[in-house]
N, C-alpha and C. Protein backbone atom coordinates (compact mmCIF):
# COMPACT_ATOMS: atom_id res chain seq x y z
N MET A 1 0.64 -1.23 -0.01
CA MET A 1 0.35 -0.16 0.05
C MET A 1 0.91 1.32 -0.03
N VAL A 2 1.78 1.13 0.73
CA VAL A 2 2.82 2.43 0.76
C VAL A 2 3.50 2.40 -0.45
N THR A 3 3.94 1.44 -1.18
CA THR A 3 4.56 1.50 -2.25
C THR A 3 3.57 2.03 -3.55
N ARG A 4 2.16 1.66 -3.55
CA ARG A 4 1.20 2.29 -4.39
C ARG A 4 1.38 3.83 -4.10
N ASP A 5 1.20 4.20 -2.88
CA ASP A 5 1.21 5.76 -2.56
C ASP A 5 2.46 6.60 -3.05
N LEU A 6 3.41 5.62 -3.04
CA LEU A 6 4.58 6.37 -3.36
C LEU A 6 5.01 6.48 -4.94
N THR A 7 4.42 5.26 -5.66
CA THR A 7 4.29 5.35 -7.15
C THR A 7 3.48 6.59 -7.59
N VAL A 8 2.26 6.72 -7.03
CA VAL A 8 1.47 7.74 -7.35
C VAL A 8 1.92 9.19 -7.22
N LEU A 9 2.64 9.25 -5.90
CA LEU A 9 3.24 10.64 -5.69
C LEU A 9 4.49 10.81 -6.48
N LEU A 10 5.19 9.95 -6.85
CA LEU A 10 6.31 10.07 -7.88
C LEU A 10 5.87 10.23 -9.14
N SER A 11 4.75 9.63 -9.68
CA SER A 11 4.39 9.96 -10.99
C SER A 11 3.73 11.25 -11.21
N GLY A 12 3.31 11.88 -9.86
CA GLY A 12 2.58 13.36 -10.04
C GLY A 12 4.06 14.13 -10.05
N PHE A 13 5.07 13.93 -9.39
CA PHE A 13 6.18 14.74 -9.57
C PHE A 13 6.87 14.78 -10.91
N SER A 14 7.11 13.54 -11.40
CA SER A 14 7.43 13.23 -12.73
C SER A 14 6.64 14.10 -13.76
N GLY A 15 5.31 14.03 -13.57
CA GLY A 15 4.51 14.92 -14.38
C GLY A 15 4.75 16.37 -14.25
N GLU A 16 4.87 16.81 -13.27
CA GLU A 16 5.26 18.12 -12.77
C GLU A 16 6.80 18.64 -13.52
N ILE A 17 7.52 17.47 -13.19
CA ILE A 17 8.96 17.93 -13.73
C ILE A 17 8.77 17.82 -15.25
N ARG A 18 8.35 17.15 -15.97
CA ARG A 18 8.14 17.00 -17.38
C ARG A 18 7.49 18.47 -17.96
N LYS A 19 6.51 18.99 -17.31
CA LYS A 19 5.85 20.16 -17.60
C LYS A 19 6.93 21.11 -17.64
N GLU A 20 7.46 21.38 -16.60
CA GLU A 20 8.45 22.28 -16.27
C GLU A 20 9.70 22.18 -17.03
N PHE A 21 10.18 20.90 -17.34
CA PHE A 21 11.23 20.85 -18.40
C PHE A 21 10.72 21.33 -19.84
N ARG A 22 9.54 21.00 -20.30
CA ARG A 22 9.00 21.36 -21.63
C ARG A 22 9.27 22.87 -21.40
N GLN A 23 8.66 23.74 -20.41
CA GLN A 23 8.45 24.91 -20.35
C GLN A 23 9.87 25.56 -20.36
N LEU A 24 10.79 24.83 -19.77
CA LEU A 24 12.11 25.71 -19.85
C LEU A 24 12.68 25.32 -21.28
N LYS A 25 12.46 24.27 -21.84
CA LYS A 25 12.93 23.95 -23.20
C LYS A 25 12.38 24.97 -24.11
N ARG A 26 11.18 25.42 -24.26
CA ARG A 26 10.46 26.40 -24.88
C ARG A 26 11.21 27.74 -24.77
N GLU A 27 11.39 28.20 -23.37
CA GLU A 27 12.01 29.60 -23.25
C GLU A 27 13.21 29.70 -23.72
N MET A 28 14.17 28.28 -23.63
CA MET A 28 15.39 28.45 -24.18
C MET A 28 15.48 28.47 -25.66
N ARG A 29 14.63 27.83 -26.40
CA ARG A 29 14.48 27.92 -27.79
C ARG A 29 14.02 29.32 -28.11
N ALA A 30 13.09 30.02 -27.61
CA ALA A 30 12.85 31.34 -27.83
C ALA A 30 13.99 32.35 -27.90
N GLN A 31 14.66 32.13 -26.60
CA GLN A 31 15.81 32.77 -26.23
C GLN A 31 16.94 32.40 -27.52
N GLU A 32 17.00 31.57 -27.88
CA GLU A 32 17.99 31.14 -28.93
C GLU A 32 17.77 31.85 -30.32
N GLU A 33 16.38 31.71 -30.74
CA GLU A 33 15.88 32.13 -31.89
C GLU A 33 16.11 33.81 -32.05
N ALA A 34 15.77 34.42 -30.84
CA ALA A 34 16.04 35.79 -30.81
C ALA A 34 17.45 36.19 -31.05
N ARG A 35 18.29 35.37 -30.20
CA ARG A 35 19.73 35.68 -30.61
C ARG A 35 19.99 35.54 -31.89
N GLN A 36 19.50 34.56 -32.78
CA GLN A 36 19.82 34.26 -33.98
C GLN A 36 19.46 35.41 -34.89
N GLU A 37 18.18 35.87 -34.67
CA GLU A 37 17.46 36.99 -35.39
C GLU A 37 18.32 38.39 -35.22
N LYS A 38 18.63 38.39 -33.92
CA LYS A 38 19.63 39.71 -33.83
C LYS A 38 20.98 39.59 -34.41
N ALA A 39 21.35 38.48 -34.32
CA ALA A 39 22.68 38.50 -35.18
C ALA A 39 22.46 38.70 -36.57
N ALA A 40 21.45 38.02 -37.37
CA ALA A 40 21.19 38.08 -38.37
C ALA A 40 20.87 39.64 -39.08
N GLU A 41 20.30 40.31 -38.22
CA GLU A 41 20.09 41.74 -38.28
C GLU A 41 21.38 42.61 -38.21
N GLY A 42 22.10 42.38 -37.23
CA GLY A 42 23.49 43.02 -36.77
C GLY A 42 24.60 42.79 -37.74
N ASP A 43 24.64 41.63 -38.69
CA ASP A 43 25.51 41.32 -39.57
C ASP A 43 25.90 42.61 -40.59
N GLY A 44 27.04 43.09 -40.41
CA GLY A 44 27.33 44.29 -41.43
C GLY A 44 26.99 45.67 -40.90
N GLN A 45 25.86 45.65 -39.93
CA GLN A 45 25.47 47.11 -39.56
C GLN A 45 26.08 47.38 -38.29
N GLU A 46 27.35 46.96 -38.16
CA GLU A 46 28.00 47.49 -36.83
C GLU A 46 28.21 48.94 -36.76
N ASP A 47 28.32 49.53 -36.03
CA ASP A 47 28.27 50.84 -35.77
C ASP A 47 29.75 51.30 -36.26
N GLU A 48 29.59 52.44 -37.32
CA GLU A 48 31.23 52.32 -37.91
C GLU A 48 32.11 53.21 -36.67
N ASN A 49 31.46 53.85 -35.96
CA ASN A 49 32.05 55.02 -35.12
C ASN A 49 32.18 54.12 -33.73
N SER A 50 31.85 53.08 -33.49
CA SER A 50 32.20 52.51 -32.13
C SER A 50 33.20 51.50 -32.41
N GLU A 51 34.33 51.68 -31.50
CA GLU A 51 35.62 50.88 -31.84
C GLU A 51 35.71 50.14 -30.24
N THR A 52 36.14 48.80 -30.67
CA THR A 52 36.35 48.14 -29.33
C THR A 52 37.36 48.68 -28.63
N GLU A 53 37.55 48.28 -27.37
CA GLU A 53 38.94 48.48 -26.73
C GLU A 53 40.15 48.20 -27.55
N GLU A 54 40.23 46.66 -27.98
CA GLU A 54 41.33 46.53 -28.81
C GLU A 54 41.63 47.35 -29.67
N GLU A 55 40.68 47.85 -30.82
CA GLU A 55 40.93 48.46 -31.76
C GLU A 55 41.55 50.05 -31.33
N ARG A 56 41.25 50.63 -30.39
CA ARG A 56 41.92 51.59 -29.83
C ARG A 56 43.37 51.49 -29.39
N ARG A 57 43.72 50.45 -28.98
CA ARG A 57 44.93 49.95 -28.27
C ARG A 57 45.87 49.79 -29.47
N ASN A 58 45.53 48.78 -30.58
CA ASN A 58 46.25 48.41 -31.62
C ASN A 58 45.93 48.97 -32.86
N ALA A 59 46.66 49.65 -33.32
CA ALA A 59 46.48 50.44 -34.76
C ALA A 59 46.45 49.19 -35.72
N LEU A 60 47.32 48.06 -35.82
CA LEU A 60 47.28 47.34 -36.79
C LEU A 60 45.97 46.50 -36.72
N PHE A 61 45.37 46.25 -35.60
CA PHE A 61 44.07 45.63 -35.34
C PHE A 61 42.89 46.35 -36.11
N LYS A 62 43.13 47.64 -35.90
CA LYS A 62 42.04 48.62 -36.52
C LYS A 62 42.23 48.64 -37.64
N ALA A 63 43.42 48.79 -38.40
CA ALA A 63 43.57 48.64 -39.93
C ALA A 63 42.98 47.38 -40.46
N TYR A 64 42.92 46.49 -39.82
CA TYR A 64 42.68 44.94 -40.30
C TYR A 64 40.98 45.10 -40.30
N ARG A 65 40.69 45.45 -39.33
CA ARG A 65 39.10 46.00 -39.16
C ARG A 65 38.40 46.81 -40.28
N ASP A 66 39.00 47.82 -40.61
CA ASP A 66 38.60 48.74 -41.58
C ASP A 66 38.45 48.00 -42.98
N GLU A 67 39.59 47.45 -43.29
CA GLU A 67 39.84 46.61 -44.52
C GLU A 67 38.68 45.62 -44.47
N GLN A 68 38.55 44.98 -43.42
CA GLN A 68 37.42 43.78 -43.44
C GLN A 68 36.09 44.39 -43.59
N ARG A 69 35.68 45.51 -43.04
CA ARG A 69 34.58 46.40 -43.23
C ARG A 69 34.34 46.74 -44.80
N LEU A 70 35.63 47.11 -45.29
CA LEU A 70 35.48 47.59 -46.74
C LEU A 70 35.08 46.42 -47.77
N TYR A 71 35.64 45.18 -47.35
CA TYR A 71 35.46 44.23 -48.25
C TYR A 71 34.02 43.77 -48.00
N THR A 72 33.55 43.45 -46.62
CA THR A 72 32.20 43.32 -46.56
C THR A 72 31.05 44.07 -47.18
N GLU A 73 31.43 45.39 -47.22
CA GLU A 73 30.58 46.23 -47.91
C GLU A 73 30.36 45.95 -49.56
N LYS A 74 31.55 45.67 -50.23
CA LYS A 74 31.80 45.42 -51.48
C LYS A 74 30.92 44.00 -51.81
N LYS A 75 31.23 42.90 -50.77
CA LYS A 75 30.54 41.55 -51.17
C LYS A 75 28.86 41.96 -51.10
N LYS A 76 28.39 42.92 -50.27
CA LYS A 76 27.04 43.09 -50.36
C LYS A 76 26.55 43.70 -51.68
N THR A 77 27.36 44.59 -52.27
CA THR A 77 26.83 45.35 -53.42
C THR A 77 27.41 44.28 -54.76
N GLN A 78 28.04 43.43 -54.63
CA GLN A 78 28.34 42.53 -55.68
C GLN A 78 27.24 41.77 -55.90
N LEU A 79 27.01 41.50 -57.40
CA LEU A 79 25.64 40.85 -57.75
C LEU A 79 25.93 39.29 -57.50
N LYS A 80 24.78 38.37 -57.55
CA LYS A 80 24.76 36.91 -57.24
C LYS A 80 24.85 36.39 -58.69
N LYS A 81 25.04 35.18 -58.94
CA LYS A 81 25.24 34.51 -60.16
C LYS A 81 24.04 34.88 -61.38
N GLY A 82 24.16 34.88 -62.17
CA GLY A 82 23.20 35.10 -63.23
C GLY A 82 23.65 36.19 -64.28
N SER A 83 22.76 36.47 -65.18
CA SER A 83 23.22 37.08 -66.47
C SER A 83 23.47 38.79 -65.96
N GLN A 84 22.94 39.44 -65.04
CA GLN A 84 23.50 40.59 -64.54
C GLN A 84 24.84 40.63 -64.25
N ARG A 85 25.40 39.56 -63.47
CA ARG A 85 26.85 39.37 -62.96
C ARG A 85 27.67 39.35 -64.28
N GLU A 86 27.25 38.54 -65.37
CA GLU A 86 27.96 38.46 -66.48
C GLU A 86 28.22 39.95 -67.11
N GLN A 87 27.17 40.45 -67.16
CA GLN A 87 27.14 41.59 -67.96
C GLN A 87 28.17 42.69 -67.09
N GLN A 88 27.90 42.68 -65.86
CA GLN A 88 28.93 43.50 -64.89
C GLN A 88 30.41 42.83 -65.21
N THR A 89 30.68 41.66 -65.31
CA THR A 89 31.91 41.25 -65.47
C THR A 89 32.36 41.49 -66.83
N LEU A 90 31.61 41.57 -67.76
CA LEU A 90 32.07 41.82 -69.30
C LEU A 90 32.17 43.54 -69.47
N ALA A 91 31.50 44.18 -68.56
CA ALA A 91 31.62 45.70 -68.69
C ALA A 91 33.00 45.81 -67.85
N ALA A 92 33.25 45.45 -66.89
CA ALA A 92 34.65 45.60 -66.25
C ALA A 92 35.85 45.08 -67.15
N LEU A 93 35.69 43.96 -68.17
CA LEU A 93 36.55 43.48 -69.09
C LEU A 93 36.84 44.63 -70.15
N ALA A 94 35.73 45.25 -70.46
CA ALA A 94 35.75 46.28 -71.50
C ALA A 94 36.56 47.47 -71.28
N LYS A 95 36.11 47.94 -70.02
CA LYS A 95 36.74 49.04 -69.29
C LYS A 95 38.36 48.91 -69.15
N PHE A 96 38.70 47.72 -68.62
CA PHE A 96 40.20 47.27 -68.57
C PHE A 96 40.78 47.45 -70.14
N GLN A 97 40.09 46.77 -71.03
CA GLN A 97 40.74 46.81 -72.37
C GLN A 97 41.04 47.96 -72.92
N ALA A 98 39.82 48.96 -72.52
CA ALA A 98 39.98 50.41 -73.04
C ALA A 98 41.00 51.19 -72.58
N LYS A 99 41.38 50.76 -71.24
CA LYS A 99 42.25 51.51 -70.49
C LYS A 99 43.69 50.81 -70.97
N LEU A 100 43.78 49.76 -71.24
CA LEU A 100 45.05 49.14 -71.78
C LEU A 100 45.41 49.80 -73.00
N LYS A 101 44.45 49.97 -73.89
CA LYS A 101 44.55 50.54 -75.21
C LYS A 101 44.86 51.86 -75.14
N GLU A 102 44.42 52.72 -74.05
CA GLU A 102 44.64 54.20 -73.95
C GLU A 102 46.22 54.50 -73.54
N VAL A 103 46.46 53.37 -72.70
CA VAL A 103 48.03 53.53 -72.26
C VAL A 103 48.92 53.24 -73.22
N GLN A 104 48.62 52.24 -74.13
CA GLN A 104 49.66 51.93 -75.03
C GLN A 104 49.70 52.74 -76.17
N GLU A 105 48.44 53.68 -76.62
CA GLU A 105 48.62 54.58 -77.54
C GLU A 105 49.29 55.94 -76.74
N ARG A 106 49.03 56.11 -75.58
CA ARG A 106 49.77 57.37 -74.98
C ARG A 106 51.26 57.21 -74.69
N GLU A 107 51.53 56.01 -74.36
CA GLU A 107 52.97 55.58 -74.09
C GLU A 107 53.38 54.47 -74.72
N PRO A 108 54.09 54.62 -75.87
CA PRO A 108 54.58 53.51 -76.67
C PRO A 108 55.92 52.85 -75.91
N ALA A 109 55.89 51.60 -76.06
CA ALA A 109 56.59 50.71 -75.22
C ALA A 109 58.06 50.98 -75.49
N SER A 110 58.89 51.59 -74.40
CA SER A 110 60.27 52.00 -74.48
C SER A 110 61.11 51.41 -73.48
N PRO A 111 62.43 51.24 -73.52
CA PRO A 111 62.97 50.59 -72.61
C PRO A 111 63.35 51.62 -71.60
N GLU A 112 63.14 51.33 -70.15
CA GLU A 112 63.23 52.35 -69.27
C GLU A 112 64.20 51.70 -68.10
N LYS A 113 64.61 52.63 -67.08
CA LYS A 113 65.48 52.09 -66.15
C LYS A 113 64.53 51.65 -65.20
N GLU A 114 64.99 50.55 -64.47
CA GLU A 114 64.25 49.85 -63.20
C GLU A 114 63.96 50.77 -62.07
N GLY A 115 64.53 51.64 -61.81
CA GLY A 115 64.33 52.72 -60.76
C GLY A 115 63.35 53.66 -60.91
N GLU A 116 62.86 53.73 -62.22
CA GLU A 116 61.99 54.79 -62.47
C GLU A 116 60.49 54.62 -62.16
N GLU A 117 60.28 53.53 -62.12
CA GLU A 117 58.81 53.10 -62.23
C GLU A 117 58.13 53.58 -60.66
N GLU A 118 57.17 54.40 -60.66
CA GLU A 118 56.44 54.54 -59.65
C GLU A 118 55.41 53.74 -59.28
N GLU A 119 55.00 53.90 -57.99
CA GLU A 119 54.03 52.68 -57.50
C GLU A 119 52.80 52.65 -58.17
N GLY A 120 52.10 54.10 -58.39
CA GLY A 120 50.78 53.97 -58.74
C GLY A 120 50.73 54.29 -60.39
N SER A 121 51.97 53.99 -60.94
CA SER A 121 51.78 54.43 -62.37
C SER A 121 51.03 53.25 -63.23
N ASP A 122 50.73 53.65 -64.59
CA ASP A 122 50.15 52.71 -65.37
C ASP A 122 50.92 52.39 -66.29
N ARG A 123 52.42 52.52 -66.53
CA ARG A 123 53.35 52.17 -67.38
C ARG A 123 53.37 50.52 -67.50
N TRP A 124 53.16 49.87 -66.55
CA TRP A 124 53.34 48.53 -66.68
C TRP A 124 52.17 47.93 -67.79
N LEU A 125 51.17 48.80 -67.89
CA LEU A 125 50.27 48.35 -68.94
C LEU A 125 50.74 48.47 -70.37
N ALA A 126 51.74 49.58 -70.47
CA ALA A 126 52.35 49.75 -71.97
C ALA A 126 53.66 48.75 -72.02
N HIS A 127 53.70 48.07 -71.10
CA HIS A 127 54.76 46.83 -71.59
C HIS A 127 54.64 45.98 -72.62
N ALA A 128 55.48 45.47 -73.36
CA ALA A 128 55.00 44.64 -74.44
C ALA A 128 56.16 43.43 -74.00
N LEU A 129 55.46 42.15 -74.33
CA LEU A 129 56.12 41.22 -73.71
C LEU A 129 56.99 40.50 -75.19
N HIS A 130 58.35 40.38 -75.09
CA HIS A 130 59.05 39.73 -76.49
C HIS A 130 59.92 38.59 -75.92
N PHE A 131 59.51 37.51 -76.78
CA PHE A 131 60.53 36.43 -76.43
C PHE A 131 60.65 35.72 -77.80
N GLU A 132 61.53 34.60 -77.48
CA GLU A 132 61.93 34.02 -78.80
C GLU A 132 61.12 32.93 -79.09
N GLU A 133 60.75 33.07 -80.47
CA GLU A 133 59.71 32.03 -80.87
C GLU A 133 60.35 30.58 -80.99
N GLN A 134 59.90 29.56 -80.55
CA GLN A 134 60.17 28.23 -80.73
C GLN A 134 59.37 27.47 -81.61
N GLY A 135 59.74 26.65 -82.35
CA GLY A 135 58.88 25.83 -83.04
C GLY A 135 58.20 24.75 -82.23
N PRO A 136 57.29 24.49 -82.61
CA PRO A 136 56.43 23.38 -81.80
C PRO A 136 57.43 22.09 -81.33
N VAL A 137 57.16 21.85 -80.16
CA VAL A 137 57.81 20.45 -79.67
C VAL A 137 57.09 19.28 -80.15
N LEU A 138 57.45 18.49 -80.83
CA LEU A 138 56.99 17.42 -81.08
C LEU A 138 57.19 16.12 -80.27
N ALA A 139 56.34 15.77 -79.21
CA ALA A 139 56.60 14.85 -78.25
C ALA A 139 55.97 13.39 -78.74
N ARG A 140 56.58 12.48 -78.50
CA ARG A 140 56.19 11.21 -79.01
C ARG A 140 55.23 10.57 -77.88
N ASP A 141 54.11 9.99 -78.40
CA ASP A 141 53.30 9.53 -77.71
C ASP A 141 53.28 7.96 -77.72
N ALA A 142 53.42 7.04 -76.59
CA ALA A 142 53.44 5.77 -76.79
C ALA A 142 52.25 5.11 -77.42
N ALA A 143 50.99 5.74 -77.32
CA ALA A 143 49.68 5.03 -77.88
C ALA A 143 49.71 5.36 -79.37
N ASN A 144 50.53 6.49 -79.80
CA ASN A 144 50.47 6.69 -81.45
C ASN A 144 51.80 6.38 -82.08
N VAL A 145 52.08 4.98 -81.79
CA VAL A 145 53.27 4.61 -82.46
C VAL A 145 52.99 3.73 -83.63
N ASN A 146 53.68 3.96 -84.57
CA ASN A 146 53.32 3.35 -85.88
C ASN A 146 53.70 1.98 -85.72
N PRO A 147 52.91 0.90 -86.16
CA PRO A 147 53.07 -0.52 -85.79
C PRO A 147 54.16 -1.08 -86.58
N GLU A 148 54.83 -0.46 -87.53
CA GLU A 148 55.98 -0.88 -88.32
C GLU A 148 57.16 -0.63 -87.49
N GLU A 149 57.23 0.50 -86.57
CA GLU A 149 58.17 1.01 -85.90
C GLU A 149 58.20 0.58 -84.65
N ALA A 150 57.11 -0.12 -84.16
CA ALA A 150 57.28 -0.60 -83.04
C ALA A 150 58.10 -1.86 -82.31
N TYR A 151 58.14 -2.71 -83.37
CA TYR A 151 59.24 -3.94 -83.21
C TYR A 151 60.14 -3.88 -84.13
N ASP A 152 61.30 -4.58 -83.64
CA ASP A 152 62.32 -4.66 -84.64
C ASP A 152 61.95 -6.25 -85.58
N ILE A 153 61.70 -5.82 -86.69
CA ILE A 153 61.43 -6.84 -87.66
C ILE A 153 62.46 -7.51 -88.58
N SER A 154 63.59 -7.28 -88.10
CA SER A 154 64.69 -7.83 -89.04
C SER A 154 64.93 -9.24 -88.69
N ASP A 155 65.15 -10.31 -89.64
CA ASP A 155 65.19 -11.58 -89.64
C ASP A 155 66.82 -11.92 -89.29
N PRO A 156 66.92 -12.77 -88.15
CA PRO A 156 68.23 -12.94 -87.58
C PRO A 156 69.07 -14.07 -88.72
N ARG A 157 68.38 -14.54 -89.49
CA ARG A 157 68.88 -15.67 -90.36
C ARG A 157 69.36 -14.95 -91.76
N ASN A 158 68.87 -13.63 -91.78
CA ASN A 158 69.57 -13.01 -92.98
C ASN A 158 70.79 -12.69 -92.99
N ALA A 159 71.43 -12.97 -94.09
CA ALA A 159 72.96 -12.90 -94.19
C ALA A 159 73.47 -11.60 -93.81
N MET A 160 72.70 -10.32 -94.31
CA MET A 160 73.22 -9.21 -94.01
C MET A 160 73.19 -8.79 -92.50
N ASN A 161 71.98 -9.23 -91.95
CA ASN A 161 71.99 -8.98 -90.46
C ASN A 161 73.08 -10.05 -89.68
N GLN A 162 73.29 -11.06 -90.33
CA GLN A 162 74.22 -11.96 -89.26
C GLN A 162 75.66 -11.38 -89.71
N ARG A 163 75.99 -10.70 -90.74
CA ARG A 163 77.38 -9.84 -91.04
C ARG A 163 77.24 -8.69 -90.00
N ARG A 164 76.50 -8.06 -89.94
CA ARG A 164 76.15 -6.91 -89.16
C ARG A 164 76.58 -7.27 -87.43
N ARG A 165 75.82 -8.27 -87.22
CA ARG A 165 76.20 -8.68 -85.64
C ARG A 165 77.50 -9.15 -85.46
N ASP A 166 78.31 -9.82 -86.40
CA ASP A 166 79.53 -10.28 -86.57
C ASP A 166 80.48 -9.19 -86.32
N ARG A 167 80.19 -8.04 -86.92
CA ARG A 167 80.96 -6.90 -87.08
C ARG A 167 80.78 -6.18 -85.67
N LYS A 168 79.79 -6.19 -85.07
CA LYS A 168 79.52 -5.52 -83.87
C LYS A 168 80.45 -6.51 -82.81
N ARG A 169 80.29 -7.74 -82.69
CA ARG A 169 80.70 -8.41 -81.89
C ARG A 169 82.36 -8.48 -81.90
N LYS A 170 82.70 -8.53 -83.29
CA LYS A 170 84.19 -8.45 -83.32
C LYS A 170 84.71 -6.94 -82.86
N SER A 171 84.12 -5.99 -83.08
CA SER A 171 84.68 -4.77 -82.52
C SER A 171 84.50 -4.34 -81.08
N HIS A 172 83.40 -5.09 -80.77
CA HIS A 172 83.18 -5.16 -78.86
C HIS A 172 84.36 -6.27 -78.32
N HIS A 173 84.70 -7.17 -78.92
CA HIS A 173 85.94 -7.82 -78.27
C HIS A 173 87.21 -7.04 -78.52
N SER A 174 87.43 -6.67 -79.71
CA SER A 174 88.74 -5.99 -79.75
C SER A 174 88.87 -4.73 -78.87
N GLU A 175 87.89 -4.14 -78.60
CA GLU A 175 87.90 -3.02 -77.64
C GLU A 175 88.15 -3.45 -76.34
N ARG A 176 87.60 -4.56 -75.92
CA ARG A 176 87.88 -5.02 -74.75
C ARG A 176 89.51 -5.39 -74.40
N ARG A 177 90.09 -6.01 -75.56
CA ARG A 177 91.28 -6.46 -75.13
C ARG A 177 92.59 -5.38 -75.01
N HIS A 178 91.98 -4.37 -75.77
CA HIS A 178 93.15 -3.02 -75.92
C HIS A 178 93.00 -2.26 -74.63
């Protein structure tokens, strides 16, 4: 009888514990979702004027964060895959080609001293690459061997081949003795 009362009492507690557990789980899930939404909204919307303590102390870290912000902004403006992105890329290519042609017309390629180059100049665009032209290198492919060239098809019984072998053998022996 006591055990029956105890099991009823424990089952009542376990029911309450389960209810409390579910309630806590819901609250934690709601907090996590709120935190994720806040992080999603806050991505990239960091206050530009707010500097962390570390940024104030370390100039290198500050420069790093500034550059990181710059590239995150560029990434946001960059188009995703598709025809618009292709058009943007082709427009950038056309702009570069026009600049290249303009620099080449303005400054014909001339030999220059190595120390004259300025950091931000466009003189490198006018440079012409000259090299010795080499004929095509004909590589032999093992798969494309002429069947006639693949094997030595000389008959060892042939008189001409026998004489050739004899000459080689005699010259080889005479070299050894000397």
